Every structure is written in structure tokens, then in C-alpha cells.
Amino acid sequence: MAVRYWQDVPRARADRLQEEVQLTDPLKYKPPAPVKGCRVCGALQRQIDRVDNPHSRSYDPSKATDLRVEMRRHHQSEAGA
């Protein structure tokens, strides 16, 4: 397999590779909180609690992250509606 250098990468792809990436500061991250009285938020929070516990058989931090993203998007869709 040949080694690829920057000059071998197509220009459009090289530009994409040099774009700045914005990362969340892990020390400032606050997970979304369920809205009181919202059944969707309550169900999502129960699922998060189950899969985010390292002592649980269903421990899956990736799934917990997915559920938090879903909860945050749910909040945004509710605010925009």
C-alpha cells in the first residue's frame, strides 16, 4: 500500500481536513435535565439512568450519550414548536 502525502490528497478533501473543529469542554459540560412533567424526558432519563450505571448489566456509555443527545434535541424541538 502506498503512503499518501498532502500533495496526493485531492484539494477539496485537503481543505476539509484543515477545517477547525469545535469540541465540548468536558469540564464545562452539563448534561440535559429532564423537563418536569414531560413524559418523553422522564422515559429518556430512566433509560439514561439504566445504561449509565457502570454496575448495571446493561451499562453502555455510548447509548447513554445517544440518549442525552436525543433529550437535548427533544428540548430544542419543543422550544421551536
N, C-alpha and C. Protein backbone atom coordinates (compact mmCIF):
# COMPACT_ATOMS: atom_id res chain seq x y z
N MET A 1 0.84 -1.17 0.00
CA MET A 1 0.00 0.00 0.00
C MET A 1 0.89 1.24 0.00
N ALA A 2 0.60 2.17 -0.86
CA ALA A 2 1.40 3.37 -1.00
C ALA A 2 1.07 4.36 0.11
N VAL A 3 2.09 5.09 0.56
CA VAL A 3 1.92 6.13 1.56
C VAL A 3 1.38 7.37 0.86
N ARG A 4 0.36 7.99 1.45
CA ARG A 4 -0.23 9.18 0.84
C ARG A 4 0.28 10.42 1.56
N TYR A 5 0.64 11.40 0.81
CA TYR A 5 1.10 12.68 1.33
C TYR A 5 0.09 13.75 0.99
N TRP A 6 0.20 14.93 1.64
CA TRP A 6 -0.74 16.01 1.40
C TRP A 6 -0.88 16.35 -0.07
N GLN A 7 0.23 16.33 -0.79
CA GLN A 7 0.15 16.69 -2.20
C GLN A 7 -0.63 15.64 -3.01
N ASP A 8 -0.80 14.45 -2.47
CA ASP A 8 -1.55 13.40 -3.15
C ASP A 8 -3.06 13.48 -2.86
N VAL A 9 -3.44 14.24 -1.83
CA VAL A 9 -4.84 14.33 -1.43
C VAL A 9 -5.54 15.36 -2.32
N PRO A 10 -6.70 15.01 -2.87
CA PRO A 10 -7.43 15.99 -3.69
C PRO A 10 -7.67 17.28 -2.91
N ARG A 11 -7.67 18.42 -3.60
CA ARG A 11 -7.74 19.73 -2.96
C ARG A 11 -8.98 19.90 -2.07
N ALA A 12 -10.14 19.48 -2.53
CA ALA A 12 -11.36 19.64 -1.74
C ALA A 12 -11.26 18.88 -0.42
N ARG A 13 -10.70 17.69 -0.48
CA ARG A 13 -10.56 16.90 0.74
C ARG A 13 -9.51 17.51 1.66
N ALA A 14 -8.42 18.01 1.10
CA ALA A 14 -7.38 18.64 1.91
C ALA A 14 -7.94 19.84 2.65
N ASP A 15 -8.81 20.62 2.00
CA ASP A 15 -9.43 21.77 2.67
C ASP A 15 -10.30 21.33 3.83
N ARG A 16 -11.06 20.25 3.65
CA ARG A 16 -11.91 19.73 4.72
C ARG A 16 -11.07 19.25 5.90
N LEU A 17 -9.92 18.65 5.61
CA LEU A 17 -9.08 18.13 6.68
C LEU A 17 -8.45 19.24 7.51
N GLN A 18 -8.37 20.44 6.96
CA GLN A 18 -7.74 21.54 7.66
C GLN A 18 -8.74 22.45 8.36
N GLU A 19 -10.04 22.14 8.27
CA GLU A 19 -11.05 22.96 8.94
C GLU A 19 -10.92 22.83 10.45
N GLU A 20 -11.25 23.91 11.14
CA GLU A 20 -11.18 23.91 12.59
C GLU A 20 -12.33 23.09 13.17
N VAL A 21 -12.05 22.35 14.22
CA VAL A 21 -13.04 21.51 14.87
C VAL A 21 -13.36 22.10 16.23
N GLN A 22 -14.64 22.18 16.57
CA GLN A 22 -15.07 22.69 17.86
C GLN A 22 -15.44 21.52 18.76
N LEU A 23 -14.76 21.40 19.88
CA LEU A 23 -15.03 20.33 20.83
C LEU A 23 -15.65 20.89 22.10
N THR A 24 -16.48 20.10 22.76
CA THR A 24 -17.07 20.50 24.03
C THR A 24 -16.03 20.36 25.12
N ASP A 25 -15.93 21.36 25.98
CA ASP A 25 -15.01 21.28 27.12
C ASP A 25 -15.61 20.30 28.13
N PRO A 26 -14.93 19.17 28.38
CA PRO A 26 -15.51 18.17 29.29
C PRO A 26 -15.67 18.68 30.72
N LEU A 27 -14.92 19.73 31.09
CA LEU A 27 -15.04 20.26 32.44
C LEU A 27 -16.24 21.20 32.58
N LYS A 28 -16.76 21.69 31.46
CA LYS A 28 -17.90 22.62 31.50
C LYS A 28 -19.19 21.97 31.00
N TYR A 29 -19.14 20.71 30.57
CA TYR A 29 -20.31 20.04 30.01
C TYR A 29 -21.37 19.82 31.08
N LYS A 30 -22.60 20.17 30.75
CA LYS A 30 -23.73 19.89 31.63
C LYS A 30 -24.74 19.06 30.84
N PRO A 31 -25.00 17.83 31.28
CA PRO A 31 -25.97 17.02 30.55
C PRO A 31 -27.36 17.65 30.63
N PRO A 32 -28.19 17.38 29.63
CA PRO A 32 -29.54 17.95 29.65
C PRO A 32 -30.34 17.41 30.83
N ALA A 33 -31.15 18.26 31.40
CA ALA A 33 -32.02 17.84 32.51
C ALA A 33 -33.42 17.61 31.98
N PRO A 34 -34.09 16.58 32.48
CA PRO A 34 -35.47 16.34 32.03
C PRO A 34 -36.39 17.47 32.47
N VAL A 35 -37.32 17.83 31.61
CA VAL A 35 -38.30 18.86 31.94
C VAL A 35 -39.36 18.24 32.84
N LYS A 36 -39.63 18.91 33.95
CA LYS A 36 -40.60 18.39 34.92
C LYS A 36 -41.97 18.26 34.26
N GLY A 37 -42.56 17.08 34.40
CA GLY A 37 -43.88 16.83 33.85
C GLY A 37 -43.88 16.31 32.42
N CYS A 38 -42.72 16.28 31.76
CA CYS A 38 -42.65 15.80 30.37
C CYS A 38 -42.42 14.29 30.39
N ARG A 39 -43.35 13.55 29.80
CA ARG A 39 -43.25 12.10 29.81
C ARG A 39 -42.10 11.60 28.95
N VAL A 40 -41.82 12.26 27.84
CA VAL A 40 -40.71 11.86 26.97
C VAL A 40 -39.39 12.02 27.71
N CYS A 41 -39.21 13.17 28.37
CA CYS A 41 -37.99 13.40 29.13
C CYS A 41 -37.83 12.38 30.25
N GLY A 42 -38.93 12.08 30.92
CA GLY A 42 -38.89 11.09 32.00
C GLY A 42 -38.47 9.72 31.50
N ALA A 43 -39.01 9.31 30.37
CA ALA A 43 -38.66 8.00 29.80
C ALA A 43 -37.19 7.98 29.38
N LEU A 44 -36.74 9.06 28.76
CA LEU A 44 -35.33 9.13 28.35
C LEU A 44 -34.41 9.11 29.57
N GLN A 45 -34.77 9.83 30.63
CA GLN A 45 -33.94 9.86 31.83
C GLN A 45 -33.86 8.49 32.48
N ARG A 46 -34.96 7.75 32.52
CA ARG A 46 -34.94 6.39 33.08
C ARG A 46 -34.00 5.49 32.28
N GLN A 47 -34.03 5.63 30.97
CA GLN A 47 -33.13 4.83 30.12
C GLN A 47 -31.68 5.24 30.36
N ILE A 48 -31.43 6.55 30.48
CA ILE A 48 -30.07 7.02 30.74
C ILE A 48 -29.57 6.46 32.06
N ASP A 49 -30.40 6.53 33.09
CA ASP A 49 -30.00 6.02 34.41
C ASP A 49 -29.64 4.54 34.34
N ARG A 50 -30.36 3.78 33.55
CA ARG A 50 -30.11 2.35 33.45
C ARG A 50 -28.80 2.05 32.73
N VAL A 51 -28.55 2.73 31.60
CA VAL A 51 -27.37 2.39 30.79
C VAL A 51 -26.12 3.15 31.22
N ASP A 52 -26.25 4.15 32.11
CA ASP A 52 -25.10 4.94 32.53
C ASP A 52 -24.52 4.48 33.87
N ASN A 53 -25.07 3.42 34.44
CA ASN A 53 -24.60 2.89 35.71
C ASN A 53 -23.57 1.79 35.43
N PRO A 54 -22.29 2.01 35.80
CA PRO A 54 -21.26 1.01 35.50
C PRO A 54 -21.47 -0.32 36.21
N HIS A 55 -22.31 -0.35 37.23
CA HIS A 55 -22.57 -1.60 37.94
C HIS A 55 -23.76 -2.37 37.36
N SER A 56 -24.38 -1.81 36.35
CA SER A 56 -25.54 -2.44 35.72
C SER A 56 -25.09 -3.39 34.60
N ARG A 57 -25.86 -4.44 34.39
CA ARG A 57 -25.56 -5.37 33.28
C ARG A 57 -25.78 -4.71 31.93
N SER A 58 -26.62 -3.69 31.89
CA SER A 58 -26.91 -3.01 30.63
C SER A 58 -26.07 -1.74 30.45
N TYR A 59 -24.94 -1.66 31.17
CA TYR A 59 -24.06 -0.49 31.08
C TYR A 59 -23.58 -0.30 29.65
N ASP A 60 -23.83 0.88 29.11
CA ASP A 60 -23.44 1.21 27.74
C ASP A 60 -23.28 2.73 27.64
N PRO A 61 -22.07 3.25 27.91
CA PRO A 61 -21.88 4.70 27.89
C PRO A 61 -22.19 5.33 26.54
N SER A 62 -21.98 4.61 25.47
CA SER A 62 -22.29 5.14 24.14
C SER A 62 -23.80 5.34 24.00
N LYS A 63 -24.57 4.39 24.46
CA LYS A 63 -26.03 4.51 24.42
C LYS A 63 -26.50 5.66 25.30
N ALA A 64 -25.85 5.84 26.47
CA ALA A 64 -26.20 6.95 27.36
C ALA A 64 -25.98 8.28 26.64
N THR A 65 -24.88 8.38 25.91
CA THR A 65 -24.60 9.61 25.16
C THR A 65 -25.66 9.83 24.09
N ASP A 66 -26.02 8.77 23.38
CA ASP A 66 -27.06 8.88 22.35
C ASP A 66 -28.38 9.35 22.95
N LEU A 67 -28.73 8.83 24.12
CA LEU A 67 -29.97 9.22 24.78
C LEU A 67 -29.93 10.68 25.24
N ARG A 68 -28.77 11.14 25.70
CA ARG A 68 -28.63 12.55 26.09
C ARG A 68 -28.78 13.47 24.89
N VAL A 69 -28.21 13.06 23.76
CA VAL A 69 -28.36 13.84 22.53
C VAL A 69 -29.83 13.89 22.15
N GLU A 70 -30.51 12.76 22.25
CA GLU A 70 -31.94 12.72 21.93
C GLU A 70 -32.73 13.64 22.85
N MET A 71 -32.39 13.65 24.15
CA MET A 71 -33.10 14.52 25.08
C MET A 71 -32.83 15.99 24.75
N ARG A 72 -31.60 16.33 24.43
CA ARG A 72 -31.28 17.72 24.09
C ARG A 72 -32.03 18.14 22.83
N ARG A 73 -32.08 17.26 21.84
CA ARG A 73 -32.82 17.58 20.60
C ARG A 73 -34.31 17.69 20.86
N HIS A 74 -34.82 16.86 21.78
CA HIS A 74 -36.23 16.93 22.15
C HIS A 74 -36.53 18.30 22.76
N HIS A 75 -35.64 18.77 23.62
CA HIS A 75 -35.82 20.10 24.23
C HIS A 75 -35.84 21.17 23.14
N GLN A 76 -34.92 21.06 22.18
CA GLN A 76 -34.84 22.07 21.13
C GLN A 76 -36.07 22.05 20.24
N SER A 77 -36.59 20.86 19.95
CA SER A 77 -37.78 20.77 19.09
C SER A 77 -39.00 21.31 19.84
N GLU A 78 -39.06 21.10 21.15
CA GLU A 78 -40.16 21.63 21.94
C GLU A 78 -40.10 23.16 22.03
N ALA A 79 -38.89 23.69 22.14
CA ALA A 79 -38.72 25.14 22.24
C ALA A 79 -39.05 25.82 20.90
N GLY A 80 -38.74 25.13 19.81
CA GLY A 80 -39.01 25.70 18.49
C GLY A 80 -40.45 25.57 18.05
N ALA A 81 -41.20 24.69 18.71
CA ALA A 81 -42.59 24.46 18.30
C ALA A 81 -43.54 25.51 18.81
